[in-house]
C-alpha cells in the first residue's frame, strides 16, 4: 500500500486505495523439503518471472479492490472489513511512532510503501515500510496504479 504524508506539522496521511497485492507463484508449505523453494517464500518479480508458470500479464499481482472482493467472498465481509481496519491501524501507529523525525517542510511530502503480510486468519503483519518505494512498472495495471498515484 502507498501512503502519502505531508511533511508539515501536524502530519496528514493519505492511504492510496489503488495499491496492489503480490502473491507467491507457488502455494506456501511448511514441509522442510520446501524450505529452499523461492517460489513459495518470495513475491519479488525478479524471482517470480523465473517460474515456468509465471504470468507476465498480471505479474502475480491483484489490485487491492480485487483482493478485498476475493476476501469478502471467501472469508466474509465483517472479517475483511476488520482486516483492512487493522491495516489502517498499523499504518497509523507506525506513522505516529516516527512523527517527530519526519522532516518539517510545508513544501514537500513523503511517500511510503507498506509491505503487509496477511495470514490465513486475516491478521495483517507489518513486514517493512519502504521510504523510497519503487515506481517502476512491470504490467499495465502497475502503470495505471502508479501513474494515478503520482
Foldseek 3Di string as FASTA:
>chain_A
DKKKWALAPPIDIDDQQFAKDAAFPDDADPPPVCPPPCRHPDRDLVVRVVDPPQDLQQSRMDTNVVVLVVCCVVPNNVQSVVLVVQVVVVVVVVCVVCSVVRHHDRPDMWMKDWDWDQDPSSHIDTPDIHRDDDLDDRHPSSVVSSVVVD
